[in-house]
């Protein structure tokens, strides 16, 4: 069961605890500001070439288990300008 294994997942020594970016084929740990900056930089060429409609988000099934996620994820994505269809 998912709930029974959360402790083991949280304490797993292999769990990624800091943001990572791939630089020249090698994963490197970075600070949060760098990670968030990369998240805004990487889609820019796609948006410039194809428009915002070429970018989307996949949220998976966690939205089914959290009212807050279900309620506010759509609002956040809507603010990004992405078409929500």
N, C-alpha and C. Protein backbone atom coordinates (compact mmCIF):
# COMPACT_ATOMS: atom_id res chain seq x y z
N UNK A 1 0.82 -1.21 0.00
CA UNK A 1 0.00 0.00 0.00
C UNK A 1 0.86 1.26 0.00
N UNK A 2 0.37 2.27 -0.69
CA UNK A 2 1.13 3.51 -0.84
C UNK A 2 1.47 4.14 0.51
N UNK A 3 0.48 4.31 1.36
CA UNK A 3 0.71 4.99 2.64
C UNK A 3 1.74 4.30 3.50
N UNK A 4 1.73 2.97 3.50
CA UNK A 4 2.66 2.22 4.34
C UNK A 4 4.11 2.38 3.88
N UNK A 5 4.32 2.70 2.60
CA UNK A 5 5.69 2.81 2.10
C UNK A 5 6.23 4.23 2.06
N UNK A 6 5.43 5.22 2.44
CA UNK A 6 5.89 6.60 2.33
C UNK A 6 7.14 6.87 3.18
N UNK A 7 7.20 6.29 4.37
CA UNK A 7 8.38 6.49 5.21
C UNK A 7 9.64 5.99 4.55
N UNK A 8 9.57 4.81 3.95
CA UNK A 8 10.73 4.24 3.27
C UNK A 8 11.14 5.10 2.08
N UNK A 9 10.16 5.61 1.34
CA UNK A 9 10.47 6.48 0.21
C UNK A 9 11.14 7.77 0.68
N UNK A 10 10.60 8.34 1.75
CA UNK A 10 11.13 9.60 2.27
C UNK A 10 12.57 9.45 2.78
N UNK A 11 12.87 8.32 3.38
CA UNK A 11 14.20 8.10 3.97
C UNK A 11 15.18 7.42 3.02
N UNK A 12 14.75 7.10 1.80
CA UNK A 12 15.62 6.40 0.85
C UNK A 12 16.89 7.23 0.59
N UNK A 13 18.07 6.65 0.78
CA UNK A 13 19.30 7.41 0.57
C UNK A 13 19.51 7.83 -0.88
N UNK A 14 18.82 7.17 -1.82
CA UNK A 14 18.96 7.52 -3.23
C UNK A 14 17.95 8.58 -3.68
N UNK A 15 17.08 9.01 -2.77
CA UNK A 15 16.07 10.01 -3.13
C UNK A 15 16.75 11.33 -3.48
N UNK A 16 16.32 11.93 -4.57
CA UNK A 16 16.86 13.23 -4.97
C UNK A 16 16.28 14.28 -4.03
N UNK A 17 17.14 15.05 -3.41
CA UNK A 17 16.72 16.04 -2.42
C UNK A 17 16.97 17.47 -2.87
N UNK A 18 17.70 17.65 -3.94
CA UNK A 18 18.01 18.98 -4.47
C UNK A 18 17.76 18.95 -5.97
N UNK A 19 17.51 20.10 -6.58
CA UNK A 19 17.31 20.12 -8.03
C UNK A 19 18.57 19.67 -8.76
N UNK A 20 18.35 19.02 -9.89
CA UNK A 20 19.45 18.55 -10.72
C UNK A 20 19.22 19.02 -12.15
N UNK A 21 20.29 19.40 -12.84
CA UNK A 21 20.23 19.71 -14.26
C UNK A 21 21.32 18.92 -14.97
N UNK A 22 21.06 18.61 -16.22
CA UNK A 22 22.03 17.85 -17.01
C UNK A 22 22.90 18.84 -17.77
N UNK A 23 24.20 18.79 -17.53
CA UNK A 23 25.16 19.67 -18.19
C UNK A 23 26.16 18.79 -18.92
N UNK A 24 26.16 18.89 -20.25
CA UNK A 24 27.06 18.08 -21.09
C UNK A 24 26.97 16.60 -20.75
N UNK A 25 25.72 16.12 -20.57
CA UNK A 25 25.47 14.71 -20.34
C UNK A 25 25.65 14.23 -18.91
N UNK A 26 25.97 15.14 -17.99
CA UNK A 26 26.20 14.76 -16.60
C UNK A 26 25.23 15.52 -15.70
N UNK A 27 24.55 14.80 -14.79
CA UNK A 27 23.63 15.43 -13.85
C UNK A 27 24.42 16.16 -12.77
N UNK A 28 24.03 17.43 -12.54
CA UNK A 28 24.70 18.24 -11.52
C UNK A 28 23.66 18.85 -10.59
N UNK A 29 23.98 18.88 -9.31
CA UNK A 29 23.12 19.51 -8.32
C UNK A 29 23.22 21.03 -8.48
N UNK A 30 22.06 21.71 -8.43
CA UNK A 30 22.02 23.17 -8.54
C UNK A 30 21.12 23.74 -7.45
N UNK A 31 21.17 25.05 -7.27
CA UNK A 31 20.29 25.68 -6.30
C UNK A 31 18.90 25.86 -6.93
N UNK A 32 17.92 26.19 -6.10
CA UNK A 32 16.54 26.29 -6.58
C UNK A 32 16.36 27.42 -7.58
N UNK A 33 17.05 28.55 -7.39
CA UNK A 33 16.91 29.66 -8.34
C UNK A 33 17.36 29.24 -9.73
N UNK A 34 18.47 28.52 -9.81
CA UNK A 34 18.96 28.02 -11.09
C UNK A 34 17.96 27.05 -11.71
N UNK A 35 17.42 26.16 -10.92
CA UNK A 35 16.46 25.17 -11.43
C UNK A 35 15.21 25.85 -11.98
N UNK A 36 14.66 26.81 -11.24
CA UNK A 36 13.46 27.50 -11.72
C UNK A 36 13.76 28.34 -12.96
N UNK A 37 14.94 28.95 -13.01
CA UNK A 37 15.32 29.71 -14.20
C UNK A 37 15.37 28.80 -15.42
N UNK A 38 15.93 27.59 -15.25
CA UNK A 38 15.98 26.63 -16.37
C UNK A 38 14.58 26.24 -16.83
N UNK A 39 13.67 26.13 -15.87
CA UNK A 39 12.29 25.78 -16.21
C UNK A 39 11.62 26.85 -17.07
N UNK A 40 12.05 28.09 -16.92
CA UNK A 40 11.49 29.15 -17.76
C UNK A 40 12.25 29.30 -19.07
N UNK A 41 13.54 28.96 -19.08
CA UNK A 41 14.35 29.12 -20.28
C UNK A 41 14.12 28.02 -21.31
N UNK A 42 14.00 26.79 -20.88
CA UNK A 42 13.95 25.67 -21.82
C UNK A 42 12.75 25.70 -22.77
N UNK A 43 11.54 26.05 -22.32
CA UNK A 43 10.42 26.07 -23.27
C UNK A 43 10.43 27.28 -24.21
N UNK A 44 11.22 28.31 -23.93
CA UNK A 44 11.18 29.55 -24.70
C UNK A 44 11.37 29.35 -26.21
N UNK A 45 12.37 28.58 -26.67
CA UNK A 45 12.52 28.40 -28.12
C UNK A 45 11.32 27.70 -28.76
N UNK A 46 10.72 26.76 -28.06
CA UNK A 46 9.53 26.07 -28.60
C UNK A 46 8.37 27.05 -28.72
N UNK A 47 8.16 27.86 -27.68
CA UNK A 47 7.07 28.84 -27.70
C UNK A 47 7.30 29.87 -28.80
N UNK A 48 8.54 30.34 -28.95
CA UNK A 48 8.85 31.32 -29.99
C UNK A 48 8.57 30.76 -31.38
N UNK A 49 8.91 29.51 -31.60
CA UNK A 49 8.76 28.91 -32.93
C UNK A 49 7.33 28.47 -33.22
N UNK A 50 6.65 27.86 -32.22
CA UNK A 50 5.36 27.23 -32.48
C UNK A 50 4.19 27.86 -31.74
N UNK A 51 4.46 28.77 -30.81
CA UNK A 51 3.38 29.39 -30.04
C UNK A 51 3.12 28.64 -28.74
N UNK A 52 2.39 29.31 -27.84
CA UNK A 52 2.14 28.75 -26.52
C UNK A 52 1.32 27.45 -26.59
N UNK A 53 0.55 27.27 -27.66
CA UNK A 53 -0.24 26.05 -27.81
C UNK A 53 0.59 24.79 -27.96
N UNK A 54 1.90 24.95 -28.21
CA UNK A 54 2.78 23.79 -28.35
C UNK A 54 3.29 23.28 -27.01
N UNK A 55 2.95 23.98 -25.94
CA UNK A 55 3.43 23.62 -24.60
C UNK A 55 2.24 23.20 -23.75
N UNK A 56 2.42 22.15 -22.99
CA UNK A 56 1.35 21.70 -22.11
C UNK A 56 1.95 21.14 -20.82
N UNK A 57 1.11 20.69 -19.95
CA UNK A 57 1.57 20.10 -18.69
C UNK A 57 0.81 18.81 -18.45
N UNK A 58 1.50 17.85 -17.86
CA UNK A 58 0.87 16.60 -17.45
C UNK A 58 0.95 16.53 -15.94
N UNK A 59 -0.18 16.36 -15.30
CA UNK A 59 -0.20 16.36 -13.84
C UNK A 59 -0.35 14.96 -13.25
N UNK A 60 -0.70 13.98 -14.04
CA UNK A 60 -0.86 12.63 -13.52
C UNK A 60 -2.06 12.49 -12.60
N UNK A 61 -2.08 11.43 -11.82
CA UNK A 61 -3.25 11.19 -10.98
C UNK A 61 -3.21 11.83 -9.59
N UNK A 62 -2.13 12.49 -9.16
CA UNK A 62 -2.18 13.11 -7.83
C UNK A 62 -3.31 14.12 -7.66
N UNK A 63 -3.76 14.71 -8.74
CA UNK A 63 -4.86 15.68 -8.64
C UNK A 63 -6.13 15.03 -8.09
N UNK A 64 -6.29 13.74 -8.32
CA UNK A 64 -7.48 13.05 -7.84
C UNK A 64 -7.49 12.90 -6.32
N UNK A 65 -6.34 13.08 -5.70
CA UNK A 65 -6.22 12.83 -4.26
C UNK A 65 -6.08 14.10 -3.43
N UNK A 66 -6.11 15.26 -4.08
CA UNK A 66 -5.91 16.51 -3.35
C UNK A 66 -6.83 17.59 -3.90
N UNK A 67 -7.75 18.06 -3.08
CA UNK A 67 -8.66 19.12 -3.53
C UNK A 67 -7.87 20.36 -3.94
N UNK A 68 -6.87 20.74 -3.14
CA UNK A 68 -6.11 21.95 -3.45
C UNK A 68 -5.40 21.84 -4.79
N UNK A 69 -4.75 20.71 -5.03
CA UNK A 69 -4.09 20.52 -6.33
C UNK A 69 -5.10 20.58 -7.46
N UNK A 70 -6.21 19.89 -7.30
CA UNK A 70 -7.23 19.87 -8.35
C UNK A 70 -7.79 21.27 -8.59
N UNK A 71 -7.98 22.02 -7.54
CA UNK A 71 -8.59 23.35 -7.64
C UNK A 71 -7.63 24.37 -8.24
N UNK A 72 -6.39 24.38 -7.81
CA UNK A 72 -5.50 25.48 -8.15
C UNK A 72 -4.53 25.20 -9.29
N UNK A 73 -4.31 23.96 -9.65
CA UNK A 73 -3.40 23.67 -10.76
C UNK A 73 -3.93 24.26 -12.06
N UNK A 74 -5.22 24.12 -12.31
CA UNK A 74 -5.81 24.70 -13.51
C UNK A 74 -5.67 26.21 -13.56
N UNK A 75 -5.83 26.85 -12.41
CA UNK A 75 -5.68 28.30 -12.35
C UNK A 75 -4.24 28.69 -12.68
N UNK A 76 -3.29 28.00 -12.07
CA UNK A 76 -1.88 28.29 -12.32
C UNK A 76 -1.54 28.09 -13.80
N UNK A 77 -1.97 26.98 -14.37
CA UNK A 77 -1.68 26.72 -15.78
C UNK A 77 -2.39 27.73 -16.67
N UNK A 78 -3.59 28.14 -16.28
CA UNK A 78 -4.30 29.17 -17.04
C UNK A 78 -3.55 30.48 -17.06
N UNK A 79 -2.93 30.85 -15.96
CA UNK A 79 -2.14 32.07 -15.89
C UNK A 79 -0.93 32.01 -16.81
N UNK A 80 -0.46 30.81 -17.12
CA UNK A 80 0.70 30.66 -17.99
C UNK A 80 0.36 30.99 -19.44
N UNK A 81 -0.92 31.01 -19.76
CA UNK A 81 -1.32 31.26 -21.14
C UNK A 81 -1.51 30.00 -21.95
N UNK A 82 -1.23 28.84 -21.37
CA UNK A 82 -1.41 27.58 -22.08
C UNK A 82 -2.89 27.32 -22.30
N UNK A 83 -3.26 26.83 -23.48
CA UNK A 83 -4.66 26.45 -23.69
C UNK A 83 -5.01 25.24 -22.83
N UNK A 84 -6.12 25.31 -22.13
CA UNK A 84 -6.54 24.21 -21.26
C UNK A 84 -7.69 23.47 -21.91
N UNK A 85 -7.36 22.47 -22.72
CA UNK A 85 -8.40 21.70 -23.39
C UNK A 85 -8.27 20.25 -23.05
